[in-house]
Amino acid sequence: MSLFCCGQEKRKLERPEMSNALKKAKIAEDGIIPDASFNLSAYAKQYAGKSKVERLIFIAEKCPSLQRDAFRMAVEEAKKGSDVELYMRATTSAQKLLGNEMEEYLLFDTKWAETIKRQV
């Protein structure tokens, strides 16, 4: 979709594209139920870095059945890089959606963040 403002064309940002299997998913009251053929690991292997983390967070937010695995993969990928804000977004989203049921590895690692900030 294009918008025109002050003589310049602007485009709306859209959420990441979903795989065909996820597009076939059913919408339920509490989120999306992925098609049985959807393989989260195989899907995630197609991406790296920020793109991978953002796509995994999106899936975790929309697919309750994949939340834990998607958040785990997002946090692991974020910690491979040096984007502390992206890592914080992944852990914050996990905490918001999983609450008290969140595993320890999804908690924000302050020591890691401080180390990365000193290196950058």
C-alpha atoms as a PDB file:
ATOM      1  CA  MET A   1       0.000   0.000   0.000  1.00  0.00           C
ATOM      2  CA  SER A   2       1.402   3.374  -0.955  1.00  0.00           C
ATOM      3  CA  LEU A   3       0.719   6.713   0.661  1.00  0.00           C
ATOM      4  CA  PHE A   4       1.604  10.082  -0.809  1.00  0.00           C
ATOM      5  CA  CYS A   5       2.671  12.913   1.442  1.00  0.00           C
ATOM      6  CA  CYS A   6       4.399  16.138   0.465  1.00  0.00           C
ATOM      7  CA  GLY A   7       5.013  14.776  -3.035  1.00  0.00           C
ATOM      8  CA  GLN A   8       6.902  11.734  -1.764  1.00  0.00           C
ATOM      9  CA  GLU A   9       5.714   8.165  -1.813  1.00  0.00           C
ATOM     10  CA  LYS A  10       5.815   6.415   1.534  1.00  0.00           C
ATOM     11  CA  ARG A  11       5.183   2.732   2.156  1.00  0.00           C
ATOM     12  CA  LYS A  12       3.649   1.188   5.225  1.00  0.00           C
ATOM     13  CA  LEU A  13       5.861  -1.287   7.009  1.00  0.00           C
ATOM     14  CA  GLU A  14       4.360  -4.739   7.189  1.00  0.00           C
ATOM     15  CA  ARG A  15       5.027  -7.648   9.494  1.00  0.00           C
ATOM     16  CA  PRO A  16       7.438 -10.325   8.293  1.00  0.00           C
ATOM     17  CA  GLU A  17       6.146 -12.736   5.660  1.00  0.00           C
ATOM     18  CA  MET A  18       4.926 -16.019   7.039  1.00  0.00           C
ATOM     19  CA  SER A  19       5.656 -19.406   5.537  1.00  0.00           C
ATOM     20  CA  ASN A  20       2.969 -21.220   3.544  1.00  0.00           C
ATOM     21  CA  ALA A  21       2.381 -23.617   6.448  1.00  0.00           C
ATOM     22  CA  LEU A  22       1.826 -20.729   8.853  1.00  0.00           C
ATOM     23  CA  LYS A  23      -0.460 -19.006   6.318  1.00  0.00           C
ATOM     24  CA  LYS A  24      -2.610 -22.157   6.347  1.00  0.00           C
ATOM     25  CA  ALA A  25      -2.888 -21.966  10.131  1.00  0.00           C
ATOM     26  CA  LYS A  26      -6.223 -21.590  11.837  1.00  0.00           C
ATOM     27  CA  ILE A  27      -7.044 -18.501  13.841  1.00  0.00           C
ATOM     28  CA  ALA A  28      -8.178 -19.342  17.367  1.00  0.00           C
ATOM     29  CA  GLU A  29      -9.338 -17.034  20.156  1.00  0.00           C
ATOM     30  CA  ASP A  30      -5.986 -17.265  21.930  1.00  0.00           C
ATOM     31  CA  GLY A  31      -3.793 -17.009  18.834  1.00  0.00           C
ATOM     32  CA  ILE A  32      -2.835 -18.920  15.703  1.00  0.00           C
ATOM     33  CA  ILE A  33      -2.746 -22.689  15.585  1.00  0.00           C
ATOM     34  CA  PRO A  34      -0.043 -23.591  13.038  1.00  0.00           C
ATOM     35  CA  ASP A  35      -0.630 -26.163  10.335  1.00  0.00           C
ATOM     36  CA  ALA A  36       0.756 -29.584  11.326  1.00  0.00           C
ATOM     37  CA  SER A  37       3.357 -29.330   8.555  1.00  0.00           C
ATOM     38  CA  PHE A  38       4.951 -26.189  10.041  1.00  0.00           C
ATOM     39  CA  ASN A  39       8.496 -26.905  11.269  1.00  0.00           C
ATOM     40  CA  LEU A  40       9.737 -24.011  13.407  1.00  0.00           C
ATOM     41  CA  SER A  41      13.388 -25.115  13.355  1.00  0.00           C
ATOM     42  CA  ALA A  42      13.448 -25.501   9.567  1.00  0.00           C
ATOM     43  CA  TYR A  43      11.719 -22.143   9.150  1.00  0.00           C
ATOM     44  CA  ALA A  44      14.154 -20.380  11.500  1.00  0.00           C
ATOM     45  CA  LYS A  45      17.216 -21.856   9.746  1.00  0.00           C
ATOM     46  CA  GLN A  46      16.349 -19.761   6.686  1.00  0.00           C
ATOM     47  CA  TYR A  47      17.236 -16.574   8.594  1.00  0.00           C
ATOM     48  CA  ALA A  48      19.989 -15.150  10.755  1.00  0.00           C
ATOM     49  CA  GLY A  49      20.555 -12.221  13.056  1.00  0.00           C
ATOM     50  CA  LYS A  50      17.920  -9.545  13.531  1.00  0.00           C
ATOM     51  CA  SER A  51      15.565 -10.972  10.883  1.00  0.00           C
ATOM     52  CA  LYS A  52      15.570 -14.351  12.593  1.00  0.00           C
ATOM     53  CA  VAL A  53      14.948 -12.866  16.035  1.00  0.00           C
ATOM     54  CA  GLU A  54      12.112 -10.634  14.821  1.00  0.00           C
ATOM     55  CA  ARG A  55      10.394 -13.474  12.971  1.00  0.00           C
ATOM     56  CA  LEU A  56      10.685 -15.775  15.989  1.00  0.00           C
ATOM     57  CA  ILE A  57       9.253 -13.130  18.321  1.00  0.00           C
ATOM     58  CA  PHE A  58       6.357 -12.617  15.891  1.00  0.00           C
ATOM     59  CA  ILE A  59       5.641 -16.363  15.828  1.00  0.00           C
ATOM     60  CA  ALA A  60       5.895 -16.600  19.630  1.00  0.00           C
ATOM     61  CA  GLU A  61       3.419 -13.751  20.020  1.00  0.00           C
ATOM     62  CA  LYS A  62       0.913 -15.299  17.599  1.00  0.00           C
ATOM     63  CA  CYS A  63       1.255 -19.061  18.153  1.00  0.00           C
ATOM     64  CA  PRO A  64       0.791 -20.168  21.771  1.00  0.00           C
ATOM     65  CA  SER A  65       1.798 -23.741  20.942  1.00  0.00           C
ATOM     66  CA  LEU A  66       5.184 -22.530  19.652  1.00  0.00           C
ATOM     67  CA  GLN A  67       5.859 -19.793  22.231  1.00  0.00           C
ATOM     68  CA  ARG A  68       8.483 -21.500  24.347  1.00  0.00           C
ATOM     69  CA  ASP A  69      10.521 -22.828  21.432  1.00  0.00           C
ATOM     70  CA  ALA A  70      10.248 -19.593  19.459  1.00  0.00           C
ATOM     71  CA  PHE A  71      11.287 -17.447  22.434  1.00  0.00           C
ATOM     72  CA  ARG A  72      14.163 -19.812  23.262  1.00  0.00           C
ATOM     73  CA  MET A  73      15.437 -19.629  19.681  1.00  0.00           C
ATOM     74  CA  ALA A  74      14.963 -15.838  19.552  1.00  0.00           C
ATOM     75  CA  VAL A  75      16.922 -15.272  22.773  1.00  0.00           C
ATOM     76  CA  GLU A  76      19.703 -17.646  21.700  1.00  0.00           C
ATOM     77  CA  GLU A  77      20.027 -15.900  18.328  1.00  0.00           C
ATOM     78  CA  ALA A  78      19.948 -12.425  19.878  1.00  0.00           C
ATOM     79  CA  LYS A  79      22.793 -13.351  22.250  1.00  0.00           C
ATOM     80  CA  LYS A  80      24.964 -14.357  19.280  1.00  0.00           C
ATOM     81  CA  GLY A  81      25.021 -10.718  18.203  1.00  0.00           C
ATOM     82  CA  SER A  82      25.650  -7.390  19.878  1.00  0.00           C
ATOM     83  CA  ASP A  83      22.205  -5.749  19.684  1.00  0.00           C
ATOM     84  CA  VAL A  84      21.299  -5.447  23.345  1.00  0.00           C
ATOM     85  CA  GLU A  85      17.991  -3.721  22.542  1.00  0.00           C
ATOM     86  CA  LEU A  86      16.907  -6.612  20.309  1.00  0.00           C
ATOM     87  CA  TYR A  87      17.865  -9.085  23.038  1.00  0.00           C
ATOM     88  CA  MET A  88      15.914  -7.018  25.576  1.00  0.00           C
ATOM     89  CA  ARG A  89      12.888  -7.001  23.272  1.00  0.00           C
ATOM     90  CA  ALA A  90      12.967 -10.801  23.030  1.00  0.00           C
ATOM     91  CA  THR A  91      13.267 -11.315  26.790  1.00  0.00           C
ATOM     92  CA  THR A  92      10.675  -8.635  27.608  1.00  0.00           C
ATOM     93  CA  SER A  93       8.165 -10.135  25.194  1.00  0.00           C
ATOM     94  CA  ALA A  94       8.768 -13.586  26.682  1.00  0.00           C
ATOM     95  CA  GLN A  95       8.258 -12.282  30.205  1.00  0.00           C
ATOM     96  CA  LYS A  96       5.087 -10.449  29.199  1.00  0.00           C
ATOM     97  CA  LEU A  97       3.520 -13.512  27.570  1.00  0.00           C
ATOM     98  CA  LEU A  98       4.859 -16.330  29.737  1.00  0.00           C
ATOM     99  CA  GLY A  99       4.902 -14.547  33.095  1.00  0.00           C
ATOM    100  CA  ASN A 100       5.711 -16.839  36.019  1.00  0.00           C
ATOM    101  CA  GLU A 101       5.904 -19.847  33.700  1.00  0.00           C
ATOM    102  CA  MET A 102       9.027 -18.450  32.039  1.00  0.00           C
ATOM    103  CA  GLU A 103      12.207 -20.512  32.185  1.00  0.00           C
ATOM    104  CA  GLU A 104      15.362 -18.972  33.654  1.00  0.00           C
ATOM    105  CA  TYR A 105      17.224 -18.868  30.321  1.00  0.00           C
ATOM    106  CA  LEU A 106      14.617 -16.368  29.043  1.00  0.00           C
ATOM    107  CA  LEU A 107      15.329 -13.874  31.831  1.00  0.00           C
ATOM    108  CA  PHE A 108      17.306 -10.779  30.859  1.00  0.00           C
ATOM    109  CA  ASP A 109      21.016 -11.467  31.368  1.00  0.00           C
ATOM    110  CA  THR A 110      22.352  -8.184  32.769  1.00  0.00           C
ATOM    111  CA  LYS A 111      25.939  -9.442  32.897  1.00  0.00           C
ATOM    112  CA  TRP A 112      25.871 -10.354  29.182  1.00  0.00           C
ATOM    113  CA  ALA A 113      24.310  -6.984  28.274  1.00  0.00           C
ATOM    114  CA  GLU A 114      26.917  -5.019  30.239  1.00  0.00           C
ATOM    115  CA  THR A 115      29.749  -7.022  28.645  1.00  0.00           C
ATOM    116  CA  ILE A 116      28.399  -6.361  25.154  1.00  0.00           C
ATOM    117  CA  LYS A 117      27.897  -2.652  25.850  1.00  0.00           C
ATOM    118  CA  ARG A 118      31.539  -2.356  26.978  1.00  0.00           C
ATOM    119  CA  GLN A 119      32.738  -4.091  23.810  1.00  0.00           C
ATOM    120  CA  VAL A 120      30.772  -1.879  21.435  1.00  0.00           C
END
